[in-house]
Amino acid sequence: MAEEAHLSGIAGRYALAVFELAVETKSVETVGRDFAALKQMLAESADLTRLVRAPVFGREEQAKGMRVLLEEMGAAPLTLRFVLLLCSKRRLFLLPDALRDFETLVAQQHGEVEADVASARPLSAAQTDELKRVLKGKLGREPRLNARVDPSLLGGLVVKVGSRMVDSSLKAKLNGVRTAMRGRH
């Protein structure tokens, strides 16, 4: 496959291991839902993020907190074992990257490709649909968009798929004009 999943170091290895176990146990969807819920909780809770990232918490404290959270949300046994393994290895700080890498592996399994899109303003539903259509035509696979707003772009888009990036932002064009003008005296 030309566009392989881009995984991040140690977190990528953990994500690949849990993904392979999920495939073996036919629990990719279940673990994926658990991981999506965890990702959402991390985005919404500063306390959870602190528990995951702060080195002041010992492995026992992290394991206890994560066990309660995961049991409360009804997480799959594989999800629980994975997170507790990260706690026991003192690598819970890798959880956000492992969650992202797991999503990438699931997308790849479904023939999707992940595209990071930055725009000056939020994209409308019609713009999102058109962008997906264009990307699918160019890539030959269904794109999964991770959209974010970056007001510094002024206008246009920056699209990154794997190692390829297309910057059609107004900011980039203005910088190009500035560079061209500097070259002429």
N, C-alpha and C. Protein backbone atom coordinates (compact mmCIF):
# COMPACT_ATOMS: atom_id res chain seq x y z
N MET A 1 0.84 -1.18 0.00
CA MET A 1 0.00 0.00 0.00
C MET A 1 0.89 1.24 0.00
N ALA A 2 0.64 2.16 -0.88
CA ALA A 2 1.49 3.34 -1.02
C ALA A 2 1.41 4.25 0.20
N GLU A 3 0.23 4.41 0.77
CA GLU A 3 0.03 5.34 1.88
C GLU A 3 -0.20 4.54 3.16
N GLU A 4 0.87 4.05 3.75
CA GLU A 4 0.76 3.25 4.96
C GLU A 4 0.42 4.15 6.14
N ALA A 5 -0.07 3.55 7.19
CA ALA A 5 -0.39 4.29 8.40
C ALA A 5 0.89 4.88 8.98
N HIS A 6 0.79 6.11 9.44
CA HIS A 6 1.93 6.77 10.08
C HIS A 6 1.72 6.69 11.58
N LEU A 7 2.50 5.85 12.25
CA LEU A 7 2.36 5.66 13.68
C LEU A 7 3.51 6.33 14.40
N SER A 8 3.23 6.73 15.65
CA SER A 8 4.22 7.50 16.40
C SER A 8 4.99 6.64 17.39
N GLY A 9 6.17 6.23 17.03
CA GLY A 9 7.12 5.55 17.93
C GLY A 9 6.53 4.51 18.85
N ILE A 10 6.82 4.65 20.14
CA ILE A 10 6.40 3.67 21.14
C ILE A 10 4.88 3.60 21.21
N ALA A 11 4.21 4.74 21.18
CA ALA A 11 2.74 4.75 21.21
C ALA A 11 2.19 3.98 20.02
N GLY A 12 2.83 4.11 18.87
CA GLY A 12 2.40 3.39 17.68
C GLY A 12 2.54 1.89 17.84
N ARG A 13 3.60 1.46 18.51
CA ARG A 13 3.79 0.03 18.75
C ARG A 13 2.72 -0.51 19.69
N TYR A 14 2.40 0.24 20.73
CA TYR A 14 1.31 -0.17 21.63
C TYR A 14 -0.02 -0.21 20.87
N ALA A 15 -0.28 0.80 20.05
CA ALA A 15 -1.53 0.85 19.28
C ALA A 15 -1.62 -0.33 18.33
N LEU A 16 -0.52 -0.65 17.67
CA LEU A 16 -0.50 -1.78 16.75
C LEU A 16 -0.76 -3.09 17.49
N ALA A 17 -0.16 -3.25 18.67
CA ALA A 17 -0.36 -4.47 19.45
C ALA A 17 -1.82 -4.63 19.86
N VAL A 18 -2.43 -3.55 20.37
CA VAL A 18 -3.83 -3.65 20.80
C VAL A 18 -4.74 -3.81 19.58
N PHE A 19 -4.39 -3.21 18.46
CA PHE A 19 -5.17 -3.37 17.24
C PHE A 19 -5.15 -4.83 16.78
N GLU A 20 -3.96 -5.43 16.77
CA GLU A 20 -3.84 -6.83 16.34
C GLU A 20 -4.61 -7.75 17.27
N LEU A 21 -4.57 -7.49 18.57
CA LEU A 21 -5.35 -8.29 19.52
C LEU A 21 -6.85 -8.09 19.30
N ALA A 22 -7.24 -6.85 19.00
CA ALA A 22 -8.66 -6.57 18.74
C ALA A 22 -9.13 -7.28 17.48
N VAL A 23 -8.27 -7.34 16.46
CA VAL A 23 -8.62 -8.07 15.24
C VAL A 23 -8.78 -9.55 15.55
N GLU A 24 -7.82 -10.12 16.30
CA GLU A 24 -7.88 -11.53 16.68
C GLU A 24 -9.14 -11.87 17.45
N THR A 25 -9.54 -10.98 18.36
CA THR A 25 -10.70 -11.24 19.22
C THR A 25 -11.98 -10.66 18.64
N LYS A 26 -11.91 -10.18 17.41
CA LYS A 26 -13.06 -9.59 16.72
C LYS A 26 -13.73 -8.50 17.56
N SER A 27 -12.90 -7.65 18.15
CA SER A 27 -13.43 -6.57 19.00
C SER A 27 -12.93 -5.19 18.57
N VAL A 28 -12.58 -5.05 17.29
CA VAL A 28 -12.07 -3.76 16.80
C VAL A 28 -13.10 -2.66 17.01
N GLU A 29 -14.36 -2.94 16.66
CA GLU A 29 -15.40 -1.91 16.81
C GLU A 29 -15.61 -1.53 18.26
N THR A 30 -15.66 -2.52 19.14
CA THR A 30 -15.90 -2.27 20.56
C THR A 30 -14.75 -1.46 21.16
N VAL A 31 -13.53 -1.90 20.90
CA VAL A 31 -12.37 -1.18 21.42
C VAL A 31 -12.30 0.22 20.79
N GLY A 32 -12.63 0.31 19.52
CA GLY A 32 -12.66 1.62 18.85
C GLY A 32 -13.63 2.58 19.51
N ARG A 33 -14.82 2.07 19.88
CA ARG A 33 -15.80 2.92 20.58
C ARG A 33 -15.26 3.35 21.94
N ASP A 34 -14.65 2.41 22.66
CA ASP A 34 -14.06 2.75 23.96
C ASP A 34 -12.99 3.83 23.79
N PHE A 35 -12.14 3.65 22.80
CA PHE A 35 -11.05 4.60 22.58
C PHE A 35 -11.58 5.97 22.16
N ALA A 36 -12.65 5.99 21.35
CA ALA A 36 -13.25 7.27 20.95
C ALA A 36 -13.81 7.97 22.18
N ALA A 37 -14.44 7.20 23.08
CA ALA A 37 -14.99 7.78 24.31
C ALA A 37 -13.86 8.32 25.19
N LEU A 38 -12.77 7.56 25.30
CA LEU A 38 -11.62 8.03 26.09
C LEU A 38 -11.03 9.30 25.50
N LYS A 39 -10.91 9.33 24.18
CA LYS A 39 -10.36 10.52 23.50
C LYS A 39 -11.23 11.74 23.80
N GLN A 40 -12.54 11.56 23.75
CA GLN A 40 -13.48 12.64 24.04
C GLN A 40 -13.34 13.09 25.49
N MET A 41 -13.25 12.13 26.41
CA MET A 41 -13.09 12.47 27.83
C MET A 41 -11.80 13.23 28.08
N LEU A 42 -10.73 12.82 27.42
CA LEU A 42 -9.45 13.52 27.58
C LEU A 42 -9.57 14.96 27.07
N ALA A 43 -10.31 15.15 25.99
CA ALA A 43 -10.47 16.50 25.43
C ALA A 43 -11.30 17.39 26.36
N GLU A 44 -12.21 16.77 27.12
CA GLU A 44 -13.13 17.56 27.94
C GLU A 44 -12.72 17.69 29.40
N SER A 45 -11.81 16.85 29.89
CA SER A 45 -11.49 16.85 31.31
C SER A 45 -10.02 17.14 31.58
N ALA A 46 -9.79 18.29 32.18
CA ALA A 46 -8.42 18.66 32.54
C ALA A 46 -7.88 17.71 33.63
N ASP A 47 -8.77 17.25 34.52
CA ASP A 47 -8.35 16.34 35.59
C ASP A 47 -7.89 15.01 35.01
N LEU A 48 -8.63 14.48 34.04
CA LEU A 48 -8.24 13.21 33.42
C LEU A 48 -6.92 13.38 32.67
N THR A 49 -6.78 14.47 31.96
CA THR A 49 -5.54 14.74 31.23
C THR A 49 -4.37 14.82 32.21
N ARG A 50 -4.59 15.45 33.35
CA ARG A 50 -3.54 15.56 34.36
C ARG A 50 -3.18 14.16 34.90
N LEU A 51 -4.19 13.32 35.16
CA LEU A 51 -3.93 11.96 35.64
C LEU A 51 -3.09 11.18 34.63
N VAL A 52 -3.41 11.35 33.35
CA VAL A 52 -2.72 10.62 32.29
C VAL A 52 -1.30 11.14 32.08
N ARG A 53 -1.12 12.44 32.12
CA ARG A 53 0.16 13.04 31.73
C ARG A 53 1.11 13.37 32.88
N ALA A 54 0.58 13.69 34.05
CA ALA A 54 1.44 14.19 35.14
C ALA A 54 2.26 13.07 35.77
N PRO A 55 3.57 13.24 35.83
CA PRO A 55 4.43 12.20 36.41
C PRO A 55 4.32 12.11 37.93
N VAL A 56 3.60 13.03 38.58
CA VAL A 56 3.48 13.00 40.03
C VAL A 56 2.60 11.85 40.51
N PHE A 57 1.76 11.30 39.63
CA PHE A 57 0.91 10.18 40.00
C PHE A 57 1.67 8.88 39.80
N GLY A 58 1.63 8.02 40.80
CA GLY A 58 2.28 6.72 40.70
C GLY A 58 1.45 5.77 39.85
N ARG A 59 2.06 4.65 39.48
CA ARG A 59 1.35 3.69 38.63
C ARG A 59 0.10 3.16 39.30
N GLU A 60 0.13 2.99 40.65
CA GLU A 60 -1.04 2.48 41.36
C GLU A 60 -2.18 3.48 41.32
N GLU A 61 -1.86 4.77 41.53
CA GLU A 61 -2.89 5.81 41.49
C GLU A 61 -3.51 5.91 40.09
N GLN A 62 -2.65 5.87 39.07
CA GLN A 62 -3.15 5.94 37.70
C GLN A 62 -4.04 4.73 37.40
N ALA A 63 -3.57 3.54 37.78
CA ALA A 63 -4.33 2.32 37.51
C ALA A 63 -5.69 2.36 38.22
N LYS A 64 -5.70 2.80 39.48
CA LYS A 64 -6.94 2.86 40.24
C LYS A 64 -7.93 3.82 39.58
N GLY A 65 -7.45 5.02 39.23
CA GLY A 65 -8.31 6.01 38.59
C GLY A 65 -8.84 5.55 37.24
N MET A 66 -7.97 4.97 36.44
CA MET A 66 -8.37 4.53 35.10
C MET A 66 -9.31 3.32 35.19
N ARG A 67 -9.05 2.42 36.15
CA ARG A 67 -9.93 1.24 36.32
C ARG A 67 -11.36 1.70 36.64
N VAL A 68 -11.49 2.64 37.59
CA VAL A 68 -12.82 3.14 37.97
C VAL A 68 -13.50 3.77 36.76
N LEU A 69 -12.79 4.60 36.05
CA LEU A 69 -13.35 5.28 34.87
C LEU A 69 -13.79 4.26 33.81
N LEU A 70 -12.92 3.32 33.49
CA LEU A 70 -13.22 2.35 32.44
C LEU A 70 -14.36 1.40 32.84
N GLU A 71 -14.39 0.99 34.10
CA GLU A 71 -15.48 0.12 34.54
C GLU A 71 -16.81 0.87 34.52
N GLU A 72 -16.75 2.16 34.92
CA GLU A 72 -17.96 2.98 34.92
C GLU A 72 -18.52 3.16 33.50
N MET A 73 -17.65 3.26 32.53
CA MET A 73 -18.12 3.43 31.14
C MET A 73 -18.40 2.10 30.45
N GLY A 74 -18.18 1.00 31.16
CA GLY A 74 -18.47 -0.32 30.59
C GLY A 74 -17.50 -0.72 29.49
N ALA A 75 -16.25 -0.38 29.66
CA ALA A 75 -15.23 -0.66 28.64
C ALA A 75 -15.03 -2.16 28.47
N ALA A 76 -14.63 -2.52 27.26
CA ALA A 76 -14.33 -3.92 26.93
C ALA A 76 -13.12 -4.39 27.73
N PRO A 77 -13.05 -5.70 28.01
CA PRO A 77 -11.90 -6.24 28.76
C PRO A 77 -10.55 -5.89 28.11
N LEU A 78 -10.49 -5.93 26.79
CA LEU A 78 -9.23 -5.62 26.11
C LEU A 78 -8.84 -4.15 26.34
N THR A 79 -9.81 -3.26 26.32
CA THR A 79 -9.54 -1.84 26.59
C THR A 79 -8.97 -1.68 27.99
N LEU A 80 -9.61 -2.33 28.95
CA LEU A 80 -9.17 -2.25 30.34
C LEU A 80 -7.75 -2.79 30.49
N ARG A 81 -7.49 -3.97 29.91
CA ARG A 81 -6.14 -4.56 30.00
C ARG A 81 -5.10 -3.65 29.37
N PHE A 82 -5.43 -3.06 28.22
CA PHE A 82 -4.49 -2.18 27.52
C PHE A 82 -4.12 -0.97 28.37
N VAL A 83 -5.13 -0.29 28.89
CA VAL A 83 -4.87 0.93 29.68
C VAL A 83 -4.12 0.58 30.96
N LEU A 84 -4.50 -0.52 31.61
CA LEU A 84 -3.80 -0.92 32.83
C LEU A 84 -2.36 -1.34 32.55
N LEU A 85 -2.11 -1.91 31.37
CA LEU A 85 -0.73 -2.23 30.98
C LEU A 85 0.09 -0.94 30.86
N LEU A 86 -0.48 0.08 30.22
CA LEU A 86 0.21 1.37 30.12
C LEU A 86 0.53 1.91 31.52
N CYS A 87 -0.43 1.78 32.44
CA CYS A 87 -0.21 2.24 33.82
C CYS A 87 0.94 1.47 34.46
N SER A 88 0.92 0.14 34.34
CA SER A 88 1.93 -0.68 35.00
C SER A 88 3.33 -0.42 34.44
N LYS A 89 3.42 -0.02 33.18
CA LYS A 89 4.72 0.26 32.56
C LYS A 89 5.13 1.72 32.73
N ARG A 90 4.30 2.51 33.47
CA ARG A 90 4.53 3.96 33.64
C ARG A 90 4.53 4.68 32.30
N ARG A 91 3.64 4.26 31.40
CA ARG A 91 3.56 4.86 30.06
C ARG A 91 2.15 5.34 29.74
N LEU A 92 1.37 5.65 30.77
CA LEU A 92 0.01 6.13 30.53
C LEU A 92 0.02 7.43 29.74
N PHE A 93 1.11 8.20 29.83
CA PHE A 93 1.23 9.45 29.08
C PHE A 93 1.16 9.22 27.57
N LEU A 94 1.39 7.97 27.13
CA LEU A 94 1.32 7.64 25.70
C LEU A 94 -0.12 7.42 25.22
N LEU A 95 -1.08 7.38 26.16
CA LEU A 95 -2.45 7.04 25.80
C LEU A 95 -3.03 7.91 24.68
N PRO A 96 -2.94 9.24 24.74
CA PRO A 96 -3.53 10.03 23.65
C PRO A 96 -2.96 9.68 22.26
N ASP A 97 -1.65 9.48 22.18
CA ASP A 97 -1.04 9.12 20.89
C ASP A 97 -1.44 7.72 20.46
N ALA A 98 -1.54 6.80 21.42
CA ALA A 98 -1.95 5.43 21.09
C ALA A 98 -3.40 5.41 20.60
N LEU A 99 -4.26 6.23 21.20
CA LEU A 99 -5.65 6.32 20.75
C LEU A 99 -5.72 6.80 19.31
N ARG A 100 -4.94 7.83 19.02
CA ARG A 100 -4.91 8.38 17.65
C ARG A 100 -4.37 7.35 16.66
N ASP A 101 -3.31 6.66 17.03
CA ASP A 101 -2.72 5.67 16.14
C ASP A 101 -3.65 4.48 15.92
N PHE A 102 -4.40 4.10 16.94
CA PHE A 102 -5.38 3.02 16.80
C PHE A 102 -6.44 3.44 15.77
N GLU A 103 -6.91 4.69 15.87
CA GLU A 103 -7.89 5.21 14.89
C GLU A 103 -7.32 5.15 13.47
N THR A 104 -6.05 5.48 13.32
CA THR A 104 -5.40 5.43 12.02
C THR A 104 -5.39 4.01 11.47
N LEU A 105 -5.08 3.04 12.33
CA LEU A 105 -5.06 1.64 11.90
C LEU A 105 -6.46 1.16 11.50
N VAL A 106 -7.47 1.56 12.24
CA VAL A 106 -8.85 1.18 11.91
C VAL A 106 -9.24 1.80 10.57
N ALA A 107 -8.89 3.07 10.37
CA ALA A 107 -9.20 3.74 9.10
C ALA A 107 -8.52 3.02 7.95
N GLN A 108 -7.27 2.65 8.14
CA GLN A 108 -6.53 1.93 7.08
C GLN A 108 -7.20 0.59 6.78
N GLN A 109 -7.64 -0.10 7.83
CA GLN A 109 -8.32 -1.39 7.65
C GLN A 109 -9.60 -1.22 6.83
N HIS A 110 -10.28 -0.10 7.02
CA HIS A 110 -11.53 0.16 6.29
C HIS A 110 -11.29 0.81 4.93
N GLY A 111 -10.03 0.91 4.52
CA GLY A 111 -9.72 1.50 3.22
C GLY A 111 -9.85 3.02 3.23
N GLU A 112 -9.81 3.60 4.41
CA GLU A 112 -9.90 5.05 4.52
C GLU A 112 -8.49 5.62 4.65
N VAL A 113 -8.40 6.91 4.40
CA VAL A 113 -7.14 7.60 4.61
C VAL A 113 -7.46 8.84 5.45
N GLU A 114 -6.56 9.14 6.38
CA GLU A 114 -6.78 10.26 7.27
C GLU A 114 -6.23 11.53 6.64
N ALA A 115 -7.02 12.58 6.68
CA ALA A 115 -6.60 13.88 6.15
C ALA A 115 -6.79 14.95 7.21
N ASP A 116 -5.71 15.66 7.54
CA ASP A 116 -5.79 16.77 8.47
C ASP A 116 -6.05 18.03 7.67
N VAL A 117 -7.09 18.76 8.04
CA VAL A 117 -7.48 19.95 7.29
C VAL A 117 -7.54 21.13 8.24
N ALA A 118 -6.83 22.19 7.89
CA ALA A 118 -6.88 23.43 8.66
C ALA A 118 -7.51 24.50 7.77
N SER A 119 -8.45 25.24 8.33
CA SER A 119 -9.10 26.32 7.59
C SER A 119 -9.22 27.53 8.49
N ALA A 120 -9.38 28.70 7.85
CA ALA A 120 -9.48 29.94 8.61
C ALA A 120 -10.79 30.01 9.41
N ARG A 121 -11.84 29.41 8.85
CA ARG A 121 -13.15 29.36 9.49
C ARG A 121 -13.68 27.93 9.41
N PRO A 122 -14.64 27.58 10.28
CA PRO A 122 -15.20 26.22 10.20
C PRO A 122 -15.79 25.96 8.82
N LEU A 123 -15.60 24.75 8.30
CA LEU A 123 -16.14 24.37 7.00
C LEU A 123 -17.62 24.03 7.14
N SER A 124 -18.41 24.44 6.16
CA SER A 124 -19.83 24.08 6.15
C SER A 124 -19.94 22.61 5.75
N ALA A 125 -21.12 22.05 5.92
CA ALA A 125 -21.35 20.66 5.53
C ALA A 125 -21.11 20.48 4.03
N ALA A 126 -21.54 21.45 3.23
CA ALA A 126 -21.36 21.37 1.77
C ALA A 126 -19.87 21.42 1.41
N GLN A 127 -19.12 22.30 2.07
CA GLN A 127 -17.68 22.40 1.81
C GLN A 127 -16.96 21.11 2.22
N THR A 128 -17.36 20.55 3.36
CA THR A 128 -16.76 19.30 3.84
C THR A 128 -17.03 18.18 2.84
N ASP A 129 -18.28 18.07 2.38
CA ASP A 129 -18.64 17.04 1.40
C ASP A 129 -17.85 17.20 0.10
N GLU A 130 -17.71 18.43 -0.37
CA GLU A 130 -16.97 18.69 -1.61
C GLU A 130 -15.49 18.34 -1.43
N LEU A 131 -14.92 18.70 -0.29
CA LEU A 131 -13.52 18.39 -0.02
C LEU A 131 -13.32 16.87 0.02
N LYS A 132 -14.23 16.15 0.66
CA LYS A 132 -14.14 14.69 0.71
C LYS A 132 -14.21 14.10 -0.71
N ARG A 133 -15.12 14.65 -1.53
CA ARG A 133 -15.28 14.16 -2.90
C ARG A 133 -13.99 14.36 -3.70
N VAL A 134 -13.41 15.54 -3.59
CA VAL A 134 -12.18 15.86 -4.33
C VAL A 134 -11.03 14.97 -3.84
N LEU A 135 -10.89 14.83 -2.52
CA LEU A 135 -9.81 14.00 -1.97
C LEU A 135 -9.98 12.53 -2.37
N LYS A 136 -11.21 12.05 -2.36
CA LYS A 136 -11.44 10.65 -2.76
C LYS A 136 -11.04 10.45 -4.22
N GLY A 137 -11.34 11.43 -5.07
CA GLY A 137 -10.95 11.36 -6.48
C GLY A 137 -9.44 11.34 -6.65
N LYS A 138 -8.74 12.12 -5.85
CA LYS A 138 -7.28 12.20 -5.96
C LYS A 138 -6.58 11.00 -5.33
N LEU A 139 -7.11 10.52 -4.19
CA LEU A 139 -6.44 9.48 -3.42
C LEU A 139 -6.94 8.08 -3.74
N GLY A 140 -8.14 7.99 -4.29
CA GLY A 140 -8.71 6.68 -4.59
C GLY A 140 -9.23 5.95 -3.37
N ARG A 141 -9.25 6.62 -2.22
CA ARG A 141 -9.77 6.03 -0.99
C ARG A 141 -10.63 7.05 -0.27
N GLU A 142 -11.49 6.55 0.58
CA GLU A 142 -12.39 7.42 1.34
C GLU A 142 -11.59 8.21 2.38
N PRO A 143 -11.62 9.54 2.33
CA PRO A 143 -10.89 10.32 3.32
C PRO A 143 -11.69 10.48 4.62
N ARG A 144 -10.97 10.45 5.73
CA ARG A 144 -11.58 10.75 7.03
C ARG A 144 -10.95 12.06 7.47
N LEU A 145 -11.75 13.11 7.55
CA LEU A 145 -11.23 14.44 7.81
C LEU A 145 -11.11 14.73 9.31
N ASN A 146 -9.96 15.27 9.69
CA ASN A 146 -9.74 15.82 11.02
C ASN A 146 -9.62 17.33 10.81
N ALA A 147 -10.73 18.02 10.97
CA ALA A 147 -10.76 19.45 10.68
C ALA A 147 -10.46 20.27 11.92
N ARG A 148 -9.73 21.35 11.73
CA ARG A 148 -9.49 22.30 12.81
C ARG A 148 -9.47 23.70 12.22
N VAL A 149 -9.74 24.67 13.05
CA VAL A 149 -9.77 26.06 12.62
C VAL A 149 -8.46 26.73 13.03
N ASP A 150 -7.84 27.44 12.07
CA ASP A 150 -6.61 28.19 12.33
C ASP A 150 -6.80 29.58 11.73
N PRO A 151 -7.27 30.54 12.55
CA PRO A 151 -7.57 31.89 12.04
C PRO A 151 -6.36 32.58 11.40
N SER A 152 -5.14 32.16 11.73
CA SER A 152 -3.95 32.80 11.16
C SER A 152 -3.82 32.54 9.66
N LEU A 153 -4.57 31.57 9.13
CA LEU A 153 -4.50 31.26 7.69
C LEU A 153 -5.15 32.34 6.84
N LEU A 154 -6.02 33.15 7.43
CA LEU A 154 -6.76 34.23 6.76
C LEU A 154 -7.84 33.70 5.81
N GLY A 155 -7.55 32.69 5.04
CA GLY A 155 -8.49 32.10 4.10
C GLY A 155 -7.85 30.89 3.45
N GLY A 156 -8.64 30.08 2.73
CA GLY A 156 -8.11 28.90 2.07
C GLY A 156 -7.96 27.73 3.02
N LEU A 157 -7.21 26.72 2.57
CA LEU A 157 -7.05 25.49 3.34
C LEU A 157 -5.61 25.01 3.34
N VAL A 158 -5.28 24.24 4.38
CA VAL A 158 -4.05 23.47 4.41
C VAL A 158 -4.50 22.03 4.63
N VAL A 159 -4.20 21.16 3.67
CA VAL A 159 -4.61 19.76 3.75
C VAL A 159 -3.36 18.90 3.81
N LYS A 160 -3.31 18.01 4.82
CA LYS A 160 -2.17 17.12 4.95
C LYS A 160 -2.68 15.69 4.99
N VAL A 161 -2.17 14.87 4.06
CA VAL A 161 -2.50 13.45 4.00
C VAL A 161 -1.18 12.70 4.04
N GLY A 162 -0.95 11.99 5.14
CA GLY A 162 0.33 11.30 5.28
C GLY A 162 1.46 12.31 5.26
N SER A 163 2.42 12.11 4.37
CA SER A 163 3.56 13.02 4.28
C SER A 163 3.34 14.12 3.24
N ARG A 164 2.20 14.07 2.56
CA ARG A 164 1.90 15.10 1.54
C ARG A 164 1.09 16.24 2.13
N MET A 165 1.43 17.47 1.72
CA MET A 165 0.70 18.63 2.21
C MET A 165 0.42 19.57 1.05
N VAL A 166 -0.82 20.07 1.02
CA VAL A 166 -1.21 21.07 0.04
C VAL A 166 -1.61 22.30 0.83
N ASP A 167 -0.90 23.40 0.61
CA ASP A 167 -1.18 24.63 1.33
C ASP A 167 -1.73 25.65 0.34
N SER A 168 -3.05 25.80 0.33
CA SER A 168 -3.68 26.79 -0.56
C SER A 168 -4.22 27.95 0.27
N SER A 169 -3.59 28.19 1.42
CA SER A 169 -4.07 29.25 2.31
C SER A 169 -3.64 30.61 1.78
N LEU A 170 -4.41 31.59 2.14
CA LEU A 170 -4.10 32.97 1.75
C LEU A 170 -2.77 33.41 2.39
N LYS A 171 -2.52 32.95 3.60
CA LYS A 171 -1.27 33.28 4.29
C LYS A 171 -0.07 32.79 3.48
N ALA A 172 -0.12 31.55 2.98
CA ALA A 172 0.98 31.00 2.18
C ALA A 172 1.15 31.78 0.88
N LYS A 173 0.04 32.14 0.26
CA LYS A 173 0.12 32.91 -1.00
C LYS A 173 0.72 34.29 -0.77
N LEU A 174 0.32 34.93 0.33
CA LEU A 174 0.90 36.25 0.64
C LEU A 174 2.39 36.13 0.93
N ASN A 175 2.78 35.09 1.65
CA ASN A 175 4.21 34.88 1.93
C ASN A 175 4.97 34.64 0.63
N GLY A 176 4.36 33.92 -0.33
CA GLY A 176 4.98 33.70 -1.64
C GLY A 176 5.17 35.00 -2.40
N VAL A 177 4.18 35.86 -2.33
CA VAL A 177 4.28 37.18 -2.99
C VAL A 177 5.38 38.00 -2.34
N ARG A 178 5.43 38.00 -0.99
CA ARG A 178 6.48 38.74 -0.27
C ARG A 178 7.87 38.25 -0.69
N THR A 179 8.03 36.91 -0.77
CA THR A 179 9.32 36.33 -1.14
C THR A 179 9.68 36.74 -2.56
N ALA A 180 8.73 36.69 -3.46
CA ALA A 180 8.97 37.06 -4.86
C ALA A 180 9.35 38.54 -4.96
N MET A 181 8.70 39.38 -4.17
CA MET A 181 8.99 40.81 -4.22
C MET A 181 10.37 41.12 -3.64
N ARG A 182 10.79 40.36 -2.64
CA ARG A 182 12.12 40.57 -2.06
C ARG A 182 13.21 40.27 -3.06
N GLY A 183 12.95 39.32 -3.93
CA GLY A 183 13.94 38.92 -4.94
C GLY A 183 14.14 39.94 -6.03
N ARG A 184 13.20 40.86 -6.19
CA ARG A 184 13.30 41.89 -7.25
C ARG A 184 13.67 43.24 -6.66
N HIS A 185 14.60 43.89 -7.29
CA HIS A 185 15.01 45.23 -6.82
C HIS A 185 14.87 46.22 -7.92
